[in-house]
N, C-alpha and C. Protein backbone atom coordinates (compact mmCIF):
# COMPACT_ATOMS: atom_id res chain seq x y z
N UNK A 1 1.04 -1.12 0.11
CA UNK A 1 0.31 -0.11 -0.25
C UNK A 1 1.39 1.25 -0.20
N UNK A 2 0.48 2.21 -1.35
CA UNK A 2 1.26 3.73 -0.87
C UNK A 2 1.10 4.48 0.14
N UNK A 3 1.69 5.06 0.84
CA UNK A 3 1.74 6.03 1.76
C UNK A 3 1.69 7.30 1.17
N UNK A 4 0.39 8.31 1.34
CA UNK A 4 0.37 9.38 0.49
C UNK A 4 0.22 10.51 1.78
N UNK A 5 1.13 11.78 1.23
CA UNK A 5 1.08 12.93 2.18
C UNK A 5 1.02 14.27 1.29
N UNK A 6 -0.21 15.32 1.36
CA UNK A 6 -0.43 16.50 1.24
C UNK A 6 0.45 17.25 1.22
N UNK A 7 0.69 18.05 0.31
CA UNK A 7 2.02 19.41 0.63
C UNK A 7 1.75 20.58 0.22
N UNK A 8 2.31 21.71 0.09
CA UNK A 8 0.99 23.25 0.52
C UNK A 8 0.28 23.10 -0.78
N UNK A 9 0.82 22.92 -1.57
CA UNK A 9 0.01 23.40 -3.27
C UNK A 9 -1.52 21.91 -2.94
N UNK A 10 -1.65 21.19 -2.45
CA UNK A 10 -2.69 20.02 -2.67
C UNK A 10 -2.06 18.62 -3.45
N UNK A 11 -1.13 18.96 -3.47
CA UNK A 11 -0.43 17.66 -4.94
C UNK A 11 -0.18 16.64 -3.45
N UNK A 12 -0.26 15.13 -4.15
CA UNK A 12 -0.35 14.40 -3.33
C UNK A 12 1.00 13.89 -3.58
N UNK A 13 1.59 13.39 -2.31
CA UNK A 13 2.88 12.74 -2.84
C UNK A 13 2.87 11.26 -2.51
N UNK A 14 3.44 10.34 -2.76
CA UNK A 14 3.53 9.26 -2.43
C UNK A 14 4.81 8.46 -2.21
N UNK A 15 4.92 7.59 -1.16
CA UNK A 15 6.17 7.26 -0.84
C UNK A 15 7.49 7.59 -1.33
N UNK A 16 7.12 7.66 -2.77
CA UNK A 16 8.38 7.27 -3.16
C UNK A 16 9.02 8.77 -3.75
N UNK A 17 8.11 10.31 -2.80
CA UNK A 17 8.08 11.30 -3.26
C UNK A 17 7.69 12.31 -4.62
N UNK A 18 6.93 11.09 -5.51
CA UNK A 18 6.09 11.90 -6.56
C UNK A 18 5.24 12.31 -6.36
N UNK A 19 4.72 13.76 -7.44
CA UNK A 19 3.76 14.71 -7.20
C UNK A 19 2.26 13.85 -7.51
N UNK A 20 1.48 13.69 -7.46
CA UNK A 20 0.02 13.03 -7.52
C UNK A 20 -1.20 14.57 -7.52
N UNK A 21 -1.36 14.94 -8.82
CA UNK A 21 -2.98 16.03 -8.37
C UNK A 21 -3.78 14.94 -8.49
N UNK A 22 -4.92 15.83 -7.72
CA UNK A 22 -5.99 15.11 -7.64
C UNK A 22 -6.46 15.13 -5.92
N UNK A 23 -7.49 14.47 -6.14
CA UNK A 23 -8.25 13.20 -4.84
C UNK A 23 -8.29 12.36 -4.74
N UNK A 24 -7.96 11.62 -4.18
CA UNK A 24 -7.57 10.04 -4.32
C UNK A 24 -8.00 9.45 -3.43
N UNK A 25 -8.88 8.39 -3.57
CA UNK A 25 -10.00 7.74 -2.81
C UNK A 25 -9.52 7.16 -1.74
N UNK A 26 -8.02 7.07 -1.37
CA UNK A 26 -7.35 6.14 -0.38
C UNK A 26 -6.49 7.47 0.56
N UNK A 27 -6.89 8.56 0.67
CA UNK A 27 -6.78 9.68 1.08
C UNK A 27 -7.37 9.02 2.84
N UNK A 28 -8.43 8.73 2.39
CA UNK A 28 -8.93 8.43 3.78
C UNK A 28 -9.69 6.62 3.39
N UNK A 29 -8.83 5.72 3.52
CA UNK A 29 -9.53 4.59 4.06
C UNK A 29 -10.21 4.46 5.19
N UNK A 30 -11.59 4.21 5.09
CA UNK A 30 -12.37 3.73 6.59
C UNK A 30 -11.54 2.21 6.94
N UNK A 31 -11.43 2.16 8.25
CA UNK A 31 -11.16 1.43 9.19
C UNK A 31 -12.73 0.47 9.36
N UNK A 32 -12.21 -1.04 9.44
CA UNK A 32 -13.18 -2.14 9.62
C UNK A 32 -14.30 -2.06 10.98
N UNK A 33 -14.21 -0.99 11.27
CA UNK A 33 -14.80 -0.55 12.58
C UNK A 33 -15.86 0.26 11.43
N UNK A 34 -15.54 1.34 11.15
CA UNK A 34 -16.14 2.19 10.74
C UNK A 34 -17.07 1.59 9.16
N UNK A 35 -16.51 1.37 8.29
CA UNK A 35 -16.75 0.40 7.48
C UNK A 35 -18.16 0.02 8.02
N UNK A 36 -17.85 -0.71 9.09
CA UNK A 36 -18.64 -1.78 9.78
C UNK A 36 -20.03 -1.01 10.61
N UNK A 37 -19.79 -0.19 10.89
CA UNK A 37 -20.85 0.96 11.37
C UNK A 37 -21.41 1.82 10.25
N UNK A 38 -20.86 2.21 9.41
CA UNK A 38 -21.90 2.69 8.34
C UNK A 38 -22.30 2.14 7.82
N UNK A 39 -22.24 0.40 7.51
CA UNK A 39 -23.15 -0.37 6.85
C UNK A 39 -24.36 -1.03 7.86
N UNK A 40 -23.90 -0.79 9.51
CA UNK A 40 -25.50 -0.62 10.34
C UNK A 40 -25.56 0.41 9.88
N UNK A 41 -25.39 0.98 10.06
CA UNK A 41 -26.41 2.77 9.83
C UNK A 41 -27.28 2.42 8.77
N UNK A 42 -26.93 2.35 7.66
CA UNK A 42 -27.28 1.96 6.60
C UNK A 42 -28.46 0.88 6.17
N UNK A 43 -28.58 -0.16 7.05
CA UNK A 43 -29.16 -1.61 7.56
C UNK A 43 -30.27 -0.49 8.31
N UNK A 44 -29.82 0.08 8.88
CA UNK A 44 -31.18 0.62 9.68
C UNK A 44 -32.08 1.75 9.12
N UNK A 45 -30.71 2.29 8.48
CA UNK A 45 -31.40 3.56 7.56
C UNK A 45 -32.84 2.89 7.00
N UNK A 46 -32.00 1.66 6.18
CA UNK A 46 -33.01 0.85 4.90
C UNK A 46 -34.51 0.04 6.06
N UNK A 47 -34.50 -0.40 7.26
CA UNK A 47 -35.02 -1.21 7.84
C UNK A 47 -36.47 0.09 8.58
N UNK A 48 -35.23 1.45 8.61
CA UNK A 48 -36.44 2.45 8.54
C UNK A 48 -37.59 2.97 8.21
N UNK A 49 -36.92 3.14 6.58
CA UNK A 49 -37.62 3.06 5.03
C UNK A 49 -38.55 2.10 4.82
N UNK A 50 -38.24 0.21 5.27
CA UNK A 50 -39.21 -0.26 4.90
C UNK A 50 -40.40 0.00 6.14
N UNK A 51 -40.26 0.28 7.54
CA UNK A 51 -41.10 0.47 8.48
C UNK A 51 -41.61 1.57 8.39
N UNK A 52 -41.52 2.92 7.46
CA UNK A 52 -42.18 3.64 6.98
C UNK A 52 -42.96 3.47 6.00
N UNK A 53 -42.59 2.67 5.30
CA UNK A 53 -43.24 2.27 4.20
C UNK A 53 -44.76 1.48 3.98
N UNK A 54 -44.53 0.47 5.76
CA UNK A 54 -45.31 -0.14 5.97
C UNK A 54 -45.84 0.71 6.33
N UNK A 55 -46.03 1.38 7.18
CA UNK A 55 -46.61 2.33 8.02
C UNK A 55 -47.71 3.36 6.78
N UNK A 56 -47.20 3.77 5.86
CA UNK A 56 -47.38 4.87 4.74
C UNK A 56 -48.62 3.93 4.24
N UNK A 57 -48.28 2.93 3.82
CA UNK A 57 -49.50 1.83 2.93
C UNK A 57 -50.26 1.31 3.98
N UNK A 58 -50.03 0.77 5.23
CA UNK A 58 -51.37 0.52 5.83
C UNK A 58 -52.09 1.92 6.11
N UNK A 59 -52.04 2.96 5.80
CA UNK A 59 -53.22 3.89 5.92
C UNK A 59 -53.77 4.49 4.84
N UNK A 60 -53.67 3.60 4.01
CA UNK A 60 -54.54 3.22 2.88
C UNK A 60 -53.93 4.35 1.98
N UNK A 61 -52.56 5.40 2.03
CA UNK A 61 -52.00 5.60 1.36
C UNK A 61 -51.64 4.93 -0.27
N UNK A 62 -51.75 4.84 -1.71
CA UNK A 62 -51.37 4.26 -2.97
C UNK A 62 -50.69 5.00 -3.54
N UNK A 63 -49.21 4.92 -3.59
CA UNK A 63 -48.99 5.72 -4.89
C UNK A 63 -47.85 4.32 -5.43
N UNK A 64 -48.26 3.65 -5.72
CA UNK A 64 -47.70 2.11 -6.63
C UNK A 64 -47.20 1.08 -5.87
N UNK A 65 -46.88 1.15 -4.19
CA UNK A 65 -47.05 -0.28 -3.58
C UNK A 65 -48.23 -0.74 -3.50
N UNK A 66 -48.26 -1.97 -3.13
CA UNK A 66 -49.03 -2.86 -2.86
C UNK A 66 -48.88 -2.88 -1.49
N UNK A 67 -49.80 -2.50 -0.40
CA UNK A 67 -49.71 -2.82 1.51
C UNK A 67 -49.53 -4.49 1.31
N UNK A 68 -50.78 -5.09 0.74
CA UNK A 68 -50.45 -6.80 -0.13
C UNK A 68 -49.46 -7.06 0.34
N UNK A 69 -48.49 -7.24 -1.11
CA UNK A 69 -47.44 -7.29 -1.27
C UNK A 69 -46.21 -6.58 0.18
N UNK A 70 -46.80 -5.89 0.67
CA UNK A 70 -45.85 -5.67 1.18
C UNK A 70 -46.21 -6.22 2.67
N UNK A 71 -46.78 -6.65 3.22
CA UNK A 71 -47.09 -7.73 4.19
C UNK A 71 -47.06 -9.08 3.32
N UNK A 72 -47.26 -9.89 2.26
CA UNK A 72 -46.61 -11.02 1.79
C UNK A 72 -45.78 -10.62 1.85
N UNK A 73 -44.72 -9.90 1.79
CA UNK A 73 -42.62 -10.17 0.86
C UNK A 73 -41.76 -9.29 1.81
N UNK A 74 -42.46 -9.34 3.45
CA UNK A 74 -41.51 -8.21 4.02
C UNK A 74 -40.53 -9.01 4.37
N UNK A 75 -40.01 -10.20 4.91
CA UNK A 75 -39.03 -10.41 4.87
C UNK A 75 -37.63 -10.77 3.63
N UNK A 76 -38.55 -10.63 2.77
CA UNK A 76 -37.69 -10.43 1.57
C UNK A 76 -37.43 -8.93 0.99
N UNK A 77 -38.24 -8.23 1.72
CA UNK A 77 -38.30 -6.89 1.56
C UNK A 77 -37.10 -6.21 2.46
N UNK A 78 -37.14 -6.58 3.77
CA UNK A 78 -35.80 -6.16 4.70
C UNK A 78 -34.72 -6.94 4.37
N UNK A 79 -34.74 -8.20 3.46
CA UNK A 79 -33.36 -8.67 3.01
C UNK A 79 -32.43 -8.01 1.95
N UNK A 80 -34.19 -7.58 1.04
CA UNK A 80 -33.35 -6.73 -0.35
C UNK A 80 -32.63 -5.53 0.62
N UNK A 81 -33.03 -5.22 1.52
CA UNK A 81 -32.98 -3.31 2.04
C UNK A 81 -31.41 -3.84 2.71
N UNK A 82 -31.42 -4.74 3.41
CA UNK A 82 -30.10 -5.05 4.02
C UNK A 82 -28.77 -5.44 3.05
N UNK A 83 -29.32 -6.33 2.27
CA UNK A 83 -27.74 -6.21 1.20
C UNK A 83 -27.35 -5.43 0.72
N UNK A 84 -28.93 -4.63 -0.05
CA UNK A 84 -28.24 -3.55 -0.82
C UNK A 84 -27.21 -2.04 -0.27
N UNK A 85 -27.28 -2.43 1.14
CA UNK A 85 -26.96 -1.88 2.35
C UNK A 85 -25.67 -2.66 2.27
N UNK A 86 -25.58 -3.48 2.63
CA UNK A 86 -24.34 -4.35 3.15
C UNK A 86 -23.50 -3.87 1.28
N UNK A 87 -23.55 -3.96 0.48
CA UNK A 87 -23.40 -4.27 -0.54
C UNK A 87 -22.83 -2.81 -0.72
N UNK A 88 -23.03 -1.41 -0.61
CA UNK A 88 -22.22 -0.66 -0.41
C UNK A 88 -21.45 -0.54 0.26
N UNK A 89 -21.15 -0.94 1.53
CA UNK A 89 -20.26 -0.94 2.70
C UNK A 89 -19.35 -1.59 1.57
N UNK A 90 -19.60 -2.85 1.40
CA UNK A 90 -18.53 -3.80 0.75
C UNK A 90 -17.93 -2.93 -0.71
N UNK A 91 -18.63 -2.41 -1.38
CA UNK A 91 -18.20 -1.54 -2.69
C UNK A 91 -17.51 -0.23 -2.25
N UNK A 92 -17.59 0.24 -1.29
CA UNK A 92 -16.36 1.52 -0.78
C UNK A 92 -15.37 0.54 -0.08
N UNK A 93 -15.38 -0.27 0.60
CA UNK A 93 -13.97 -0.68 0.55
C UNK A 93 -13.61 -1.46 -0.38
N UNK A 94 -14.06 -2.01 -1.73
CA UNK A 94 -13.12 -2.65 -2.90
C UNK A 94 -12.81 -1.51 -3.17
N UNK A 95 -13.81 -0.44 -3.14
CA UNK A 95 -12.82 0.59 -3.85
C UNK A 95 -11.64 1.37 -3.63
N UNK A 96 -11.79 1.48 -2.05
CA UNK A 96 -10.18 1.47 -1.25
C UNK A 96 -9.60 0.83 -1.61
N UNK A 97 -9.84 -0.41 -1.55
CA UNK A 97 -8.66 -1.46 -1.65
C UNK A 97 -7.94 -1.14 -3.38
N UNK A 98 -9.04 -1.37 -4.09
CA UNK A 98 -8.29 -0.96 -5.48
C UNK A 98 -7.86 0.44 -5.44
N UNK A 99 -7.90 0.96 -4.91
CA UNK A 99 -6.83 2.54 -5.03
C UNK A 99 -5.84 2.35 -4.26
N UNK A 100 -5.56 1.33 -3.98
CA UNK A 100 -4.38 1.29 -2.86
C UNK A 100 -3.80 0.41 -3.59
N UNK A 101 -4.04 -0.62 -4.78
CA UNK A 101 -3.55 -1.38 -5.54
C UNK A 101 -4.00 -3.19 -5.58
N UNK A 102 -4.99 -3.34 -4.32
CA UNK A 102 -5.19 -5.14 -4.43
C UNK A 102 -6.84 -4.90 -5.21
N UNK A 103 -5.54 -5.65 -6.94
CA UNK A 103 -6.80 -6.07 -8.04
C UNK A 103 -7.51 -6.78 -7.35
N UNK A 104 -7.28 -7.71 -6.85
CA UNK A 104 -8.14 -9.20 -6.35
C UNK A 104 -9.50 -9.01 -6.47
N UNK A 105 -9.47 -7.74 -5.84
CA UNK A 105 -10.78 -7.22 -5.55
C UNK A 105 -11.72 -6.23 -6.42
N UNK A 106 -11.42 -6.51 -7.81
CA UNK A 106 -11.79 -5.95 -9.12
C UNK A 106 -13.62 -6.82 -9.26
N UNK A 107 -12.96 -7.94 -9.52
CA UNK A 107 -14.11 -9.00 -9.44
C UNK A 107 -15.38 -9.11 -8.05
N UNK A 108 -14.94 -8.48 -7.23
CA UNK A 108 -15.48 -8.50 -5.86
C UNK A 108 -16.65 -7.17 -6.48
N UNK A 109 -15.88 -5.78 -6.43
CA UNK A 109 -16.52 -5.10 -6.94
C UNK A 109 -17.97 -4.83 -8.47
N UNK A 110 -17.48 -5.70 -9.06
CA UNK A 110 -18.29 -5.75 -9.93
C UNK A 110 -19.42 -6.71 -9.72
N UNK A 111 -19.00 -7.35 -9.01
CA UNK A 111 -20.39 -8.27 -8.32
C UNK A 111 -21.58 -8.03 -7.48
N UNK A 112 -20.30 -6.80 -6.57
CA UNK A 112 -21.09 -6.54 -5.96
C UNK A 112 -21.92 -5.24 -6.27
N UNK A 113 -21.97 -4.51 -7.33
CA UNK A 113 -22.16 -3.45 -8.44
C UNK A 113 -23.74 -4.34 -8.88
N UNK A 114 -23.33 -5.24 -9.13
CA UNK A 114 -25.12 -5.86 -9.73
C UNK A 114 -25.95 -6.16 -8.98
N UNK A 115 -25.65 -6.94 -8.07
CA UNK A 115 -26.24 -7.06 -6.60
C UNK A 115 -27.04 -5.90 -6.09
N UNK A 116 -26.20 -4.71 -5.82
CA UNK A 116 -26.92 -3.48 -5.03
C UNK A 116 -28.20 -2.99 -6.30
N UNK A 117 -27.96 -2.94 -7.87
CA UNK A 117 -28.28 -2.41 -8.65
C UNK A 117 -29.71 -2.90 -8.96
N UNK A 118 -29.76 -4.49 -8.61
CA UNK A 118 -30.46 -5.66 -8.48
C UNK A 118 -31.96 -5.94 -7.60
N UNK A 119 -31.16 -5.80 -6.26
CA UNK A 119 -31.53 -6.25 -5.16
C UNK A 119 -32.96 -4.67 -4.65
N UNK A 120 -32.29 -3.46 -5.14
CA UNK A 120 -33.60 -2.38 -6.14
C UNK A 120 -34.16 -2.38 -6.14
N UNK A 121 -33.92 -2.52 -7.90
CA UNK A 121 -34.56 -2.87 -8.40
C UNK A 121 -36.29 -4.05 -8.29
N UNK A 122 -35.71 -4.74 -7.87
CA UNK A 122 -36.33 -6.01 -6.91
C UNK A 122 -37.48 -5.58 -6.20
N UNK A 123 -37.07 -5.24 -5.16
CA UNK A 123 -37.30 -4.53 -4.23
C UNK A 123 -38.32 -3.35 -4.56
N UNK A 124 -38.40 -2.13 -5.23
CA UNK A 124 -39.15 -1.94 -6.38
C UNK A 124 -40.29 -2.88 -6.65
N UNK A 125 -40.34 -4.12 -7.71
CA UNK A 125 -41.07 -4.04 -8.41
C UNK A 125 -41.89 -5.08 -6.99
N UNK A 126 -41.55 -5.40 -6.49
CA UNK A 126 -42.01 -6.79 -5.00
C UNK A 126 -42.76 -5.66 -5.03
N UNK A 127 -42.98 -4.44 -4.59
CA UNK A 127 -43.45 -3.18 -3.52
C UNK A 127 -44.83 -2.89 -4.96
N UNK A 128 -44.69 -3.03 -5.77
CA UNK A 128 -45.56 -2.34 -6.65
C UNK A 128 -46.51 -3.52 -7.38
N UNK A 129 -46.14 -5.05 -7.00
CA UNK A 129 -46.40 -6.18 -6.76
C UNK A 129 -46.65 -6.47 -8.93
N UNK A 130 -45.46 -5.88 -8.63
CA UNK A 130 -45.33 -5.84 -10.66
C UNK A 130 -45.30 -7.20 -11.61
N UNK A 131 -45.76 -7.42 -12.33
CA UNK A 131 -46.27 -8.75 -13.10
C UNK A 131 -44.56 -9.44 -13.55
N UNK A 132 -43.34 -8.38 -13.51
CA UNK A 132 -41.83 -8.61 -13.89
C UNK A 132 -41.31 -9.39 -12.90
N UNK A 133 -41.89 -9.42 -11.86
CA UNK A 133 -41.39 -9.92 -10.36
C UNK A 133 -40.60 -11.19 -10.03
N UNK A 134 -41.55 -12.14 -11.18
CA UNK A 134 -40.37 -13.92 -11.13
C UNK A 134 -39.36 -13.42 -12.12
N UNK A 135 -39.62 -12.71 -12.81
CA UNK A 135 -37.87 -11.98 -14.08
C UNK A 135 -37.17 -11.43 -13.07
N UNK A 136 -37.52 -10.68 -12.13
CA UNK A 136 -36.66 -9.51 -11.29
C UNK A 136 -36.31 -10.44 -10.33
N UNK A 137 -37.04 -11.78 -9.65
CA UNK A 137 -36.13 -12.03 -8.41
C UNK A 137 -35.26 -12.99 -9.41
N UNK A 138 -35.56 -13.76 -10.42
CA UNK A 138 -34.51 -14.73 -11.04
C UNK A 138 -33.26 -14.04 -11.28
N UNK A 139 -32.84 -12.64 -11.85
CA UNK A 139 -32.12 -11.83 -12.08
C UNK A 139 -31.08 -11.89 -10.44
N UNK A 140 -32.04 -11.62 -9.65
CA UNK A 140 -31.53 -10.39 -8.77
C UNK A 140 -30.64 -12.06 -7.55
N UNK A 141 -31.05 -13.41 -7.65
CA UNK A 141 -30.80 -14.69 -7.53
C UNK A 141 -29.83 -14.91 -8.08
N UNK A 142 -29.52 -14.61 -9.36
CA UNK A 142 -28.45 -15.06 -9.73
C UNK A 142 -27.12 -14.02 -9.60
N UNK A 143 -27.42 -12.68 -9.39
CA UNK A 143 -26.70 -11.71 -9.40
C UNK A 143 -26.05 -12.29 -8.02
N UNK A 144 -27.19 -12.56 -6.55
CA UNK A 144 -26.65 -13.09 -5.09
C UNK A 144 -26.09 -13.92 -5.12
N UNK A 145 -25.73 -15.21 -5.89
CA UNK A 145 -25.29 -16.17 -5.45
C UNK A 145 -23.45 -16.01 -6.78
N UNK A 146 -23.69 -15.18 -7.65
CA UNK A 146 -22.08 -14.35 -7.94
C UNK A 146 -21.74 -13.60 -7.04
N UNK A 147 -22.40 -12.27 -6.27
CA UNK A 147 -21.57 -11.62 -5.41
C UNK A 147 -21.22 -12.98 -4.03
N UNK A 148 -21.52 -13.30 -3.55
CA UNK A 148 -21.84 -14.37 -2.66
C UNK A 148 -20.50 -15.09 -3.07
N UNK A 149 -20.75 -15.95 -3.78
CA UNK A 149 -19.62 -16.56 -4.51
C UNK A 149 -18.27 -15.80 -4.55
N UNK A 150 -18.12 -14.84 -4.85
CA UNK A 150 -16.70 -13.88 -4.98
C UNK A 150 -16.94 -13.14 -3.67
N UNK A 151 -16.98 -12.65 -2.75
CA UNK A 151 -17.32 -12.66 -1.14
C UNK A 151 -16.82 -13.41 -0.51
N UNK A 152 -16.73 -14.42 -0.88
CA UNK A 152 -16.75 -15.58 0.74
C UNK A 152 -14.97 -15.94 -0.41
N UNK A 153 -14.95 -15.92 -1.39
CA UNK A 153 -13.26 -15.48 -1.60
C UNK A 153 -12.42 -14.60 -0.74
N UNK A 154 -13.07 -13.63 -0.52
CA UNK A 154 -11.95 -12.40 0.20
C UNK A 154 -12.31 -12.16 1.69
N UNK A 155 -13.32 -13.13 2.77
CA UNK A 155 -13.84 -13.51 3.57
C UNK A 155 -12.66 -13.59 5.13
N UNK A 156 -11.89 -13.90 4.56
CA UNK A 156 -10.91 -14.58 5.34
C UNK A 156 -10.04 -12.93 6.07
N UNK A 157 -9.78 -12.09 4.73
CA UNK A 157 -9.18 -10.55 4.81
C UNK A 157 -10.02 -9.65 5.03
N UNK A 158 -10.88 -9.49 4.38
CA UNK A 158 -12.01 -8.34 4.47
C UNK A 158 -13.51 -8.63 4.95
N UNK A 159 -13.61 -8.70 6.17
CA UNK A 159 -14.62 -8.51 6.87
C UNK A 159 -15.91 -8.19 6.94
N UNK A 160 -15.59 -7.31 5.87
CA UNK A 160 -16.94 -6.19 4.88
C UNK A 160 -17.69 -7.38 4.04
N UNK A 161 -16.80 -8.01 3.32
CA UNK A 161 -16.81 -8.58 1.99
C UNK A 161 -17.80 -10.49 2.63
N UNK A 162 -17.25 -11.31 4.00
CA UNK A 162 -18.11 -12.31 4.64
C UNK A 162 -19.43 -11.32 4.74
N UNK A 163 -19.56 -10.34 5.79
CA UNK A 163 -20.84 -9.28 5.64
C UNK A 163 -21.36 -9.67 4.60
N UNK A 164 -20.96 -9.10 3.19
CA UNK A 164 -22.28 -8.65 2.40
C UNK A 164 -22.41 -10.22 1.64
N UNK A 165 -21.33 -11.61 1.72
CA UNK A 165 -21.93 -12.74 1.32
C UNK A 165 -23.06 -13.17 2.13
N UNK A 166 -22.77 -13.16 3.40
CA UNK A 166 -24.03 -13.47 4.48
C UNK A 166 -25.27 -13.07 4.31
N UNK A 167 -25.40 -10.78 3.54
CA UNK A 167 -26.61 -10.98 3.26
C UNK A 167 -26.97 -11.05 2.17
N UNK A 168 -26.74 -11.94 1.05
CA UNK A 168 -26.46 -11.94 0.23
C UNK A 168 -27.58 -13.77 -0.08
N UNK A 169 -27.14 -14.50 1.06
CA UNK A 169 -27.56 -15.82 1.40
C UNK A 169 -29.15 -15.10 2.21
N UNK A 170 -29.06 -14.05 3.11
CA UNK A 170 -30.33 -13.88 3.54
C UNK A 170 -31.55 -13.72 2.18
N UNK A 171 -31.32 -13.23 1.47
CA UNK A 171 -31.60 -13.19 -0.01
C UNK A 171 -32.35 -13.90 -0.71
N UNK A 172 -30.89 -14.89 -0.65
CA UNK A 172 -31.29 -16.50 -1.09
C UNK A 172 -32.49 -17.26 -0.94
N UNK A 173 -32.55 -16.34 0.69
CA UNK A 173 -32.69 -17.68 1.40
C UNK A 173 -34.80 -17.11 1.02
N UNK A 174 -34.43 -16.48 1.58
CA UNK A 174 -36.30 -15.70 1.09
C UNK A 174 -36.86 -15.62 -0.42
N UNK A 175 -35.85 -15.49 -0.93
CA UNK A 175 -36.18 -16.25 -2.43
C UNK A 175 -36.93 -17.43 -2.76
N UNK A 176 -35.82 -18.30 -2.18
CA UNK A 176 -36.49 -19.46 -2.15
C UNK A 176 -37.78 -19.84 -1.23
N UNK A 177 -38.29 -18.90 -0.85
CA UNK A 177 -39.38 -19.68 0.09
C UNK A 177 -40.97 -18.97 -0.50
N UNK A 178 -40.46 -18.34 -1.61
CA UNK A 178 -41.75 -17.70 -2.40
C UNK A 178 -41.90 -19.11 -3.80
């Protein structure tokens, strides 16, 4: 890992004394505790949004989401929220590691991005009781399997990857219940 420091004119200077202009993702790499606390906060926010959505839809308001769909798939929606939040934490970690030269996490970052996108889309379609839900569930399961497999490779060295793999497993378990 290259250590960098800033000089007076805001250039980055690496450990070899070379000047680098601009902002580096590695300028501040969060530690494990910080990453996990960010992930926990994101999960809590997702849970609050899900609870808020449930309260909103049980009051008779209707903006495209179905209260019946929420009640029927609450476990899946919560798992999708958690997986999306853990994927964000994992992706942030991967970006930091990639910036410092840890290229084995490239595949992990790619799988995590796919998972984030499909968890979000699937949750939206489930809450709308869309006829596209079966196709979305199939794609989401495929993305979660790929993400889980890739994150498992890094579990021993990157705690957040293990947590991301676990959240993918929860989504897969919820999808299997449907």
